[in-house]
Amino acid sequence: MKLKDIIEKTISGDWGNEQYLDETPCAICCVRGADIVPIENNNFDGIPKRYVSEKSLKSRALEVGDIVIEKSGGSPSQSTGRVSYISEALIKCKSHVLCSNFCCAIRIKKVWNPKFVYYFWKYTYSVGVFFNFEGKTSGLKNLQLDNALNSIEIPDFPKTMQDSIVETLSKIETKIALNREINRNLEAMARQLYDYWFVQFDFPDENGRPYKSSGGKMVWNDKLKREIPQGWEISLLETLISTNRGISYNTASISGNGIPMLNLATFNIDGTFKEKGLKTYSGSYSKDKVLQPMDLVMCNTQQTAIDFDKDIIGKAFLVPFCFEGDVVSSHHVTTIETKNKHLKPYLCYLSRTVHFHRYAAGCTTGTNITGLNFTGLGKYAMELPPESVLKKFADFIENIERRKSIIMLEISNLLTQRDELLPLLMNGQVSVMPPEVNCDLSHD
């Protein structure tokens, strides 16, 4: 059976307008190719809001179970044809959802489980089938969708078998989603603690009480143009840090047999790390390039490709505990060395503040690829808390980072289990036993 035989309807995309107009009054969320990975990770925050006509909304609105297909885009190593599944959670979160005009959506016939079709499509994509159905116009690759649908065969599994496969894979993905949410919450706790201690100045005083709320003395600082706690110093960033840029590499040195290499695509903008997709570096490197857990690294380059967050430049991250053996960073990532190790968590969360981010944005050069000028960044003036406060904060953050790393390892293992199980289920090499089958061998 061909894929075309199981499709009830194909739905075109609409990019709409950026703002409300009389002819486009309907607010919608528009799924693009760039949203495919975040949606898979249950992260819907970055899906853009657009405005379309009432007619477009009525004819193009997506439903639970629809599958969005990326028709244009890709790269030399990534074909078009990636897919997103429109889940109940997405519809509840965003109400009206359309896909962009670089995508389209398919609605599956009722006799099929749409999520089984989604999993089959992902499996087919993972083995490179869609490279065979691409054309190229004006430098942009386009999916020859009709050819693909007419050519690709899908196994005609009974509906009960489809449901069992979906249930098995969905349980793994539910656990992955839960773990990711735990890590996002841990990261949010760390940001909230930074805000409470170093923005509101309610760090614990010598009696364990919140400093400012308990009447701690504040003094005006002319350089910062605001009040800071008495006894805090003002320092330029350049007096507190030194920098060590990561390793420049070529394509030949990136292989599956090397050591982990942190790069721009490693980091999520919310402060968490991506659990898969690290580059692996097989070239030479010196000991001063090796990173340790809780080392501070900062993204020094801005890129706009699909797998990169636009606002990542100037953001700092703490190296997690979950790596075994050596780990290095690419030349797009700079290690921030500090004389006082307790300063690193403080600087990490300082880099996420709006004020620091705006300052860093003014210390960039370049057009197509923007780079961070650390000489300019070093002139950033900041308040420096006492060592006792820095140490308490660092201890809290280290405990959070250790917990996040344990969860990252579990997510990575679950992703591997899912990705290894998917082709076996689709090829019929592994079957899912119905729940009524008794598998208790304890008496054998």
Protein backbone atom coordinates (compact mmCIF):
# COMPACT_ATOMS: atom_id res chain seq x y z
CA MET A 1 0.00 0.00 0.00
CA LYS A 2 1.31 3.43 -0.97
CA LEU A 3 1.28 6.48 1.30
CA LYS A 4 -1.12 8.24 -1.10
CA ASP A 5 -3.73 5.54 -0.41
CA ILE A 6 -4.05 6.40 3.28
CA ILE A 7 -4.37 10.18 2.96
CA GLU A 8 -7.81 11.72 3.33
CA LYS A 9 -6.80 15.30 2.67
CA THR A 10 -3.78 17.48 1.90
CA ILE A 11 -3.81 20.94 3.49
CA SER A 12 -1.75 23.81 2.07
CA GLY A 13 0.04 26.36 4.22
CA ASP A 14 -0.44 30.09 4.71
CA TRP A 15 2.15 32.48 6.14
CA GLY A 16 -0.43 35.24 6.55
CA ASN A 17 0.52 38.69 7.87
CA GLU A 18 2.61 39.81 10.80
CA GLN A 19 -0.14 42.07 12.14
CA TYR A 20 -3.90 42.39 12.24
CA LEU A 21 -5.52 43.75 9.08
CA ASP A 22 -9.16 43.96 8.06
CA GLU A 23 -8.61 41.27 5.43
CA THR A 24 -6.60 39.05 7.81
CA PRO A 25 -8.29 39.35 11.22
CA CYS A 26 -7.74 35.81 12.53
CA ALA A 27 -4.81 35.21 14.90
CA ILE A 28 -3.16 31.82 14.41
CA CYS A 29 0.10 30.04 15.24
CA CYS A 30 2.03 29.09 12.15
CA VAL A 31 4.21 25.96 12.19
CA ARG A 32 7.41 26.31 10.14
CA GLY A 33 10.26 23.94 9.41
CA ALA A 34 12.17 25.66 12.22
CA ASP A 35 9.46 24.57 14.68
CA ILE A 36 9.67 20.84 13.92
CA VAL A 37 12.35 19.98 16.49
CA PRO A 38 10.91 22.20 19.28
CA ILE A 39 7.43 20.73 18.75
CA GLU A 40 8.87 17.21 19.03
CA ASN A 41 10.33 18.34 22.37
CA ASN A 42 6.94 19.72 23.50
CA ASN A 43 8.27 23.27 23.31
CA PHE A 44 5.66 25.47 21.65
CA ASP A 45 6.91 28.90 22.78
CA GLY A 46 8.73 29.82 19.57
CA ILE A 47 5.90 29.14 17.10
CA PRO A 48 5.20 32.55 15.51
CA LYS A 49 1.84 34.29 15.76
CA ARG A 50 0.42 35.42 12.40
CA TYR A 51 -2.90 36.71 11.02
CA VAL A 52 -4.90 35.10 8.21
CA SER A 53 -8.29 35.54 6.58
CA GLU A 54 -11.40 33.81 7.91
CA LYS A 55 -11.54 31.74 4.71
CA SER A 56 -7.95 30.57 5.15
CA LEU A 57 -8.53 29.67 8.79
CA LYS A 58 -11.63 27.67 7.93
CA SER A 59 -9.96 25.69 5.12
CA ARG A 60 -6.44 25.32 6.54
CA ALA A 61 -6.88 24.95 10.32
CA LEU A 62 -5.07 21.87 11.57
CA GLU A 63 -6.57 19.22 13.82
CA VAL A 64 -5.17 16.72 16.31
CA GLY A 65 -3.55 13.93 14.30
CA ASP A 66 -2.61 16.04 11.29
CA ILE A 67 1.00 15.71 10.11
CA VAL A 68 2.92 18.78 8.95
CA ILE A 69 5.53 18.15 6.24
CA GLU A 70 8.46 20.46 5.47
CA LYS A 71 8.40 20.89 1.67
CA SER A 72 11.26 23.40 1.21
CA GLY A 73 14.56 23.88 2.95
CA GLY A 74 16.91 21.18 4.14
CA SER A 75 20.69 21.17 3.71
CA PRO A 76 23.33 18.95 2.04
CA SER A 77 23.14 16.57 5.01
CA GLN A 78 19.44 17.07 5.81
CA SER A 79 16.72 16.37 3.30
CA THR A 80 13.34 18.00 3.10
CA GLY A 81 10.42 15.91 4.32
CA ARG A 82 10.76 16.35 8.08
CA VAL A 83 7.45 16.09 9.92
CA SER A 84 5.64 17.40 12.99
CA TYR A 85 2.69 15.69 14.65
CA ILE A 86 -0.15 18.00 15.67
CA SER A 87 -0.86 16.85 19.20
CA GLU A 88 -3.71 17.57 21.54
CA ALA A 89 -1.26 19.44 23.77
CA LEU A 90 -0.30 21.77 20.89
CA ILE A 91 -3.92 22.53 19.97
CA LYS A 92 -4.82 23.17 23.62
CA CYS A 93 -1.84 25.49 23.99
CA LYS A 94 -2.22 27.44 20.74
CA SER A 95 -5.91 26.99 19.74
CA HIS A 96 -5.73 27.82 16.01
CA VAL A 97 -2.75 26.24 14.23
CA LEU A 98 -1.79 26.42 10.54
CA CYS A 99 1.39 25.49 8.74
CA SER A 100 3.54 27.93 6.78
CA ASN A 101 3.58 28.06 2.99
CA PHE A 102 6.95 26.25 2.98
CA CYS A 103 5.09 23.31 4.51
CA CYS A 104 1.88 21.40 3.97
CA ALA A 105 -0.14 19.01 6.12
CA ILE A 106 -1.82 15.68 5.53
CA ARG A 107 -4.89 14.26 7.26
CA ILE A 108 -4.95 10.49 7.53
CA LYS A 109 -7.96 8.29 6.80
CA LYS A 110 -9.88 7.17 9.88
CA VAL A 111 -9.02 3.49 9.45
CA TRP A 112 -5.37 4.36 10.22
CA ASN A 113 -3.77 5.55 13.43
CA PRO A 114 -2.27 8.93 12.40
CA LYS A 115 0.52 8.70 14.96
CA PHE A 116 1.56 5.32 13.52
CA VAL A 117 1.84 7.05 10.14
CA TYR A 118 3.89 9.81 11.78
CA TYR A 119 6.27 7.24 13.30
CA PHE A 120 6.55 5.42 9.98
CA TRP A 121 7.32 8.70 8.21
CA LYS A 122 10.03 9.52 10.77
CA TYR A 123 11.56 6.08 10.28
CA THR A 124 11.49 6.48 6.49
CA TYR A 125 13.09 9.91 6.82
CA SER A 126 15.82 8.63 9.15
CA VAL A 127 17.10 6.17 6.54
CA GLY A 128 17.45 8.91 3.91
CA VAL A 129 14.60 7.96 1.60
CA PHE A 130 13.50 11.55 1.00
CA PHE A 131 16.81 12.52 -0.59
CA ASN A 132 15.42 10.61 -3.59
CA PHE A 133 12.48 13.00 -3.92
CA GLU A 134 14.08 16.43 -4.05
CA GLY A 135 14.28 19.09 -6.71
CA LYS A 136 16.22 22.33 -6.53
CA THR A 137 15.16 25.80 -7.60
CA SER A 138 17.04 29.05 -6.87
CA GLY A 139 19.30 27.29 -4.37
CA LEU A 140 16.35 25.99 -2.32
CA LYS A 141 15.59 22.28 -2.17
CA ASN A 142 11.94 21.31 -2.68
CA LEU A 143 10.25 18.04 -1.80
CA GLN A 144 8.56 16.31 -4.72
CA LEU A 145 5.71 15.31 -2.46
CA ASP A 146 3.42 13.67 -5.02
CA ASN A 147 6.25 11.43 -6.25
CA ALA A 148 7.09 10.46 -2.68
CA LEU A 149 3.49 9.65 -1.78
CA ASN A 150 3.05 7.61 -4.96
CA SER A 151 6.27 5.67 -4.43
CA ILE A 152 6.72 4.98 -0.71
CA GLU A 153 5.01 1.86 0.61
CA ILE A 154 3.68 1.70 4.14
CA PRO A 155 3.14 -1.68 5.87
CA ASP A 156 -0.54 -2.55 6.00
CA PHE A 157 -0.56 -3.48 9.68
CA PRO A 158 -3.92 -4.17 11.34
CA LYS A 159 -5.27 -1.20 13.28
CA THR A 160 -4.81 -3.06 16.58
CA MET A 161 -1.13 -3.55 15.76
CA GLN A 162 -0.74 0.11 14.80
CA ASP A 163 -2.32 1.11 18.11
CA SER A 164 0.03 -1.16 20.07
CA ILE A 165 3.11 0.26 18.34
CA VAL A 166 1.93 3.81 19.00
CA GLU A 167 1.24 3.00 22.65
CA THR A 168 4.72 1.54 23.11
CA LEU A 169 6.57 4.44 21.48
CA SER A 170 4.31 7.05 23.07
CA LYS A 171 5.09 5.75 26.56
CA ILE A 172 8.80 6.29 25.92
CA GLU A 173 8.16 9.77 24.52
CA THR A 174 5.90 10.66 27.45
CA LYS A 175 8.73 9.83 29.84
CA ILE A 176 11.17 11.85 27.71
CA ALA A 177 8.79 14.83 27.74
CA LEU A 178 8.35 14.56 31.51
CA ASN A 179 12.11 14.49 32.06
CA ARG A 180 12.60 17.50 29.82
CA GLU A 181 9.95 19.37 31.76
CA ILE A 182 11.72 18.50 35.04
CA ASN A 183 14.99 19.91 33.65
CA ARG A 184 13.24 23.04 32.41
CA ASN A 185 11.76 23.50 35.88
CA LEU A 186 15.17 22.99 37.51
CA GLU A 187 16.64 25.61 35.19
CA ALA A 188 13.74 27.96 35.99
CA MET A 189 14.43 27.46 39.72
CA ALA A 190 18.07 28.43 39.17
CA ARG A 191 17.07 31.58 37.27
CA GLN A 192 14.55 32.48 39.95
CA LEU A 193 17.17 32.04 42.66
CA TYR A 194 19.54 34.34 40.76
CA ASP A 195 16.79 36.95 40.43
CA TYR A 196 15.87 36.70 44.11
CA TRP A 197 19.45 37.02 45.33
CA PHE A 198 21.10 39.35 42.82
CA VAL A 199 18.31 41.42 41.27
CA GLN A 200 15.98 41.83 44.26
CA PHE A 201 19.01 41.56 46.63
CA ASP A 202 17.25 39.17 48.98
CA PHE A 203 20.20 36.82 49.37
CA PRO A 204 20.52 35.36 52.90
CA ASP A 205 22.18 37.75 55.35
CA GLU A 206 24.39 36.61 58.25
CA ASN A 207 21.25 35.53 60.12
CA GLY A 208 19.79 33.65 57.15
CA ARG A 209 17.14 36.32 56.48
CA PRO A 210 16.48 37.95 53.06
CA TYR A 211 18.89 40.89 52.98
CA LYS A 212 16.95 43.79 51.48
CA SER A 213 13.51 42.77 52.78
CA SER A 214 14.97 42.53 56.29
CA GLY A 215 16.35 46.07 56.21
CA GLY A 216 19.81 45.39 54.81
CA LYS A 217 21.57 48.64 53.97
CA MET A 218 21.57 49.71 50.32
CA VAL A 219 23.90 52.39 48.93
CA TRP A 220 23.72 54.42 45.72
CA ASN A 221 26.32 53.63 43.06
CA ASP A 222 27.02 56.42 40.58
CA LYS A 223 28.59 54.11 37.99
CA LEU A 224 25.65 51.69 37.84
CA LYS A 225 23.05 54.39 38.54
CA ARG A 226 21.25 52.23 41.07
CA GLU A 227 21.41 51.07 44.67
CA ILE A 228 23.44 48.00 45.59
CA PRO A 229 24.00 46.27 48.95
CA GLN A 230 26.55 47.88 51.20
CA GLY A 231 29.96 46.24 50.92
CA TRP A 232 29.51 44.98 47.34
CA GLU A 233 32.26 45.93 44.90
CA ILE A 234 31.98 47.20 41.34
CA SER A 235 34.26 45.50 38.81
CA LEU A 236 34.78 45.43 35.08
CA LEU A 237 34.26 41.97 33.61
CA GLU A 238 37.77 42.01 32.11
CA THR A 239 39.32 42.13 35.60
CA LEU A 240 37.55 38.91 36.61
CA ILE A 241 37.94 36.64 33.60
CA SER A 242 40.24 35.37 30.89
CA THR A 243 39.11 33.61 27.72
CA ASN A 244 40.13 30.45 25.88
CA ARG A 245 38.48 29.97 22.50
CA GLY A 246 37.50 26.47 21.42
CA ILE A 247 39.02 24.33 18.69
CA SER A 248 38.89 25.23 15.00
CA TYR A 249 38.00 22.12 13.04
CA ASN A 250 37.47 20.90 9.50
CA THR A 251 34.93 18.42 8.18
CA ALA A 252 37.45 15.57 8.24
CA SER A 253 37.96 15.93 11.99
CA ILE A 254 34.24 15.56 12.79
CA SER A 255 33.46 11.86 13.04
CA GLY A 256 31.43 9.42 15.06
CA ASN A 257 34.54 8.04 16.74
CA GLY A 258 35.77 11.19 18.44
CA ILE A 259 35.17 12.94 21.74
CA PRO A 260 32.14 15.19 22.42
CA MET A 261 32.49 18.73 21.09
CA LEU A 262 30.19 21.47 22.37
CA ASN A 263 29.00 23.83 19.62
CA LEU A 264 26.21 26.34 19.07
CA ALA A 265 23.67 23.60 18.34
CA THR A 266 24.43 21.99 21.73
CA PHE A 267 22.58 24.63 23.70
CA ASN A 268 18.92 25.47 24.19
CA ILE A 269 18.10 29.11 24.75
CA ASP A 270 16.39 28.25 28.08
CA GLY A 271 19.73 27.14 29.54
CA THR A 272 19.36 23.40 29.02
CA PHE A 273 21.47 21.19 26.76
CA LYS A 274 20.30 19.14 23.81
CA GLU A 275 20.63 15.48 24.74
CA LYS A 276 21.62 14.30 21.26
CA GLY A 277 23.30 15.70 18.20
CA LEU A 278 26.68 16.65 19.69
CA LYS A 279 29.53 16.89 17.24
CA THR A 280 32.33 14.41 17.86
CA TYR A 281 35.87 15.60 17.28
CA SER A 282 38.68 13.23 16.23
CA GLY A 283 41.50 15.76 15.69
CA SER A 284 44.31 16.76 18.00
CA TYR A 285 43.88 19.06 20.98
CA SER A 286 45.88 20.33 23.93
CA LYS A 287 45.05 19.79 27.59
CA ASP A 288 44.03 23.42 28.06
CA LYS A 289 41.11 22.81 25.67
CA VAL A 290 39.61 20.01 27.81
CA LEU A 291 36.51 21.05 29.75
CA GLN A 292 35.45 19.95 33.20
CA PRO A 293 31.97 19.86 34.81
CA MET A 294 30.87 23.33 35.96
CA ASP A 295 33.29 25.05 33.59
CA LEU A 296 31.77 28.19 32.10
CA VAL A 297 31.45 28.48 28.31
CA MET A 298 29.99 31.32 26.25
CA CYS A 299 28.63 31.30 22.69
CA ASN A 300 30.71 33.77 20.67
CA THR A 301 28.98 33.48 17.29
CA GLN A 302 25.50 34.26 15.99
CA GLN A 303 24.05 31.98 13.32
CA THR A 304 20.55 31.77 11.84
CA ALA A 305 20.36 28.18 10.57
CA ILE A 306 17.42 26.02 11.63
CA ASP A 307 19.31 24.20 14.38
CA PHE A 308 20.60 27.37 16.07
CA ASP A 309 18.80 29.73 18.43
CA LYS A 310 19.03 33.30 17.12
CA ASP A 311 19.72 34.93 20.48
CA ILE A 312 22.42 32.53 21.66
CA ILE A 313 25.40 34.90 21.26
CA GLY A 314 26.75 36.14 24.59
CA LYS A 315 24.84 33.51 26.56
CA ALA A 316 26.90 31.41 28.97
CA PHE A 317 26.37 27.82 30.07
CA LEU A 318 27.84 25.50 32.68
CA VAL A 319 29.34 22.26 31.37
CA PRO A 320 27.18 19.37 32.67
CA PHE A 321 28.38 16.39 34.70
CA CYS A 322 27.12 13.78 32.26
CA PHE A 323 30.17 13.51 29.98
CA GLU A 324 32.61 10.63 30.42
CA GLY A 325 36.20 11.33 29.45
CA ASP A 326 37.41 14.43 27.62
CA VAL A 327 35.03 16.99 26.17
CA VAL A 328 36.04 20.07 24.15
CA SER A 329 34.30 22.98 22.47
CA SER A 330 34.32 24.31 18.91
CA HIS A 331 35.71 27.74 17.99
CA HIS A 332 32.15 29.08 18.16
CA VAL A 333 32.28 28.58 21.94
CA THR A 334 34.72 30.28 24.32
CA THR A 335 35.70 29.00 27.77
CA ILE A 336 35.49 31.70 30.44
CA GLU A 337 38.23 31.23 33.03
CA THR A 338 37.87 32.83 36.48
CA LYS A 339 40.32 33.05 39.37
CA ASN A 340 37.46 32.29 41.75
CA LYS A 341 35.55 29.14 40.73
CA HIS A 342 32.51 30.27 42.73
CA LEU A 343 32.13 33.17 40.32
CA LYS A 344 31.23 30.93 37.35
CA PRO A 345 27.57 30.16 38.25
CA TYR A 346 27.00 33.84 39.03
CA LEU A 347 28.40 34.92 35.66
CA CYS A 348 26.40 32.20 33.92
CA TYR A 349 23.08 33.60 35.08
CA LEU A 350 24.23 37.21 34.76
CA SER A 351 24.71 36.49 31.03
CA ARG A 352 21.01 35.58 30.74
CA THR A 353 19.80 38.98 32.01
CA VAL A 354 18.27 41.47 29.58
CA HIS A 355 20.81 44.16 30.54
CA PHE A 356 23.84 41.95 29.86
CA HIS A 357 22.33 40.56 26.66
CA ARG A 358 21.76 44.06 25.28
CA TYR A 359 25.32 45.05 26.18
CA ALA A 360 26.72 41.91 24.51
CA ALA A 361 24.66 42.65 21.38
CA GLY A 362 26.49 45.96 21.14
CA CYS A 363 29.87 44.19 21.27
CA THR A 364 29.46 42.24 18.04
CA THR A 365 31.01 42.53 14.61
CA GLY A 366 30.27 40.99 11.22
CA THR A 367 27.29 40.73 8.88
CA ASN A 368 26.51 37.20 7.62
CA ILE A 369 28.07 35.63 10.73
CA THR A 370 28.17 37.85 13.80
CA GLY A 371 31.05 37.45 16.26
CA LEU A 372 31.38 38.57 19.88
CA ASN A 373 34.14 41.09 20.67
CA PHE A 374 35.44 40.09 24.11
CA THR A 375 37.55 43.26 24.40
CA GLY A 376 34.38 45.33 24.28
CA LEU A 377 32.49 42.88 26.48
CA GLY A 378 35.24 43.13 29.08
CA LYS A 379 34.24 46.76 29.76
CA TYR A 380 30.92 45.60 31.20
CA ALA A 381 30.59 47.04 34.73
CA MET A 382 28.95 44.73 37.26
CA GLU A 383 28.36 44.44 40.97
CA LEU A 384 30.47 41.77 42.65
CA PRO A 385 28.88 40.03 45.66
CA PRO A 386 31.02 38.92 48.63
CA GLU A 387 32.73 35.52 48.44
CA SER A 388 30.41 34.03 51.07
CA VAL A 389 27.33 34.82 48.94
CA LEU A 390 28.97 33.60 45.73
CA LYS A 391 29.88 30.28 47.38
CA LYS A 392 26.34 29.67 48.67
CA PHE A 393 24.90 30.39 45.24
CA ALA A 394 27.49 28.15 43.54
CA ASP A 395 26.66 25.28 45.90
CA PHE A 396 22.94 25.56 45.11
CA ILE A 397 23.60 25.68 41.36
CA GLU A 398 26.00 22.73 41.45
CA ASN A 399 23.32 20.57 43.12
CA ILE A 400 20.83 21.61 40.42
CA GLU A 401 23.36 20.88 37.66
CA ARG A 402 24.09 17.41 39.05
CA ARG A 403 20.39 16.59 39.06
CA LYS A 404 19.93 17.94 35.52
CA SER A 405 22.83 15.79 34.29
CA ILE A 406 21.30 12.62 35.74
CA ILE A 407 18.06 13.39 33.92
CA MET A 408 19.92 14.25 30.68
CA LEU A 409 21.56 10.82 30.73
CA GLU A 410 18.18 9.16 31.22
CA ILE A 411 16.70 11.15 28.34
CA SER A 412 19.62 10.19 26.11
CA ASN A 413 19.13 6.51 26.94
CA LEU A 414 15.40 6.75 26.26
CA LEU A 415 16.02 8.46 22.92
CA THR A 416 18.43 5.70 21.95
CA GLN A 417 15.90 3.05 22.98
CA ARG A 418 13.16 4.74 20.95
CA ASP A 419 15.35 5.22 17.87
CA GLU A 420 16.55 1.60 17.95
CA LEU A 421 13.06 0.24 18.52
CA LEU A 422 11.38 2.28 15.76
CA PRO A 423 12.89 0.50 12.71
CA LEU A 424 12.45 -2.92 14.32
CA LEU A 425 8.74 -2.25 14.86
CA MET A 426 8.26 -0.84 11.37
CA ASN A 427 10.08 -3.76 9.73
CA GLY A 428 8.11 -6.30 11.73
CA GLN A 429 11.32 -7.65 13.31
CA VAL A 430 9.87 -6.92 16.75
CA SER A 431 6.20 -7.21 17.63
CA VAL A 432 4.28 -5.73 20.52
CA MET A 433 2.44 -8.34 22.55
CA PRO A 434 -1.13 -7.51 23.48
CA PRO A 435 -1.65 -6.93 27.22
CA GLU A 436 -3.75 -10.08 27.62
CA VAL A 437 -0.74 -12.27 26.81
CA ASN A 438 0.71 -13.67 30.04
CA CYS A 439 4.48 -13.18 29.97
CA ASP A 440 5.11 -14.22 33.58
CA LEU A 441 7.87 -16.83 33.44
CA SER A 442 8.46 -16.94 37.18
CA HIS A 443 7.05 -20.47 37.49
CA ASP A 444 8.88 -21.96 34.49
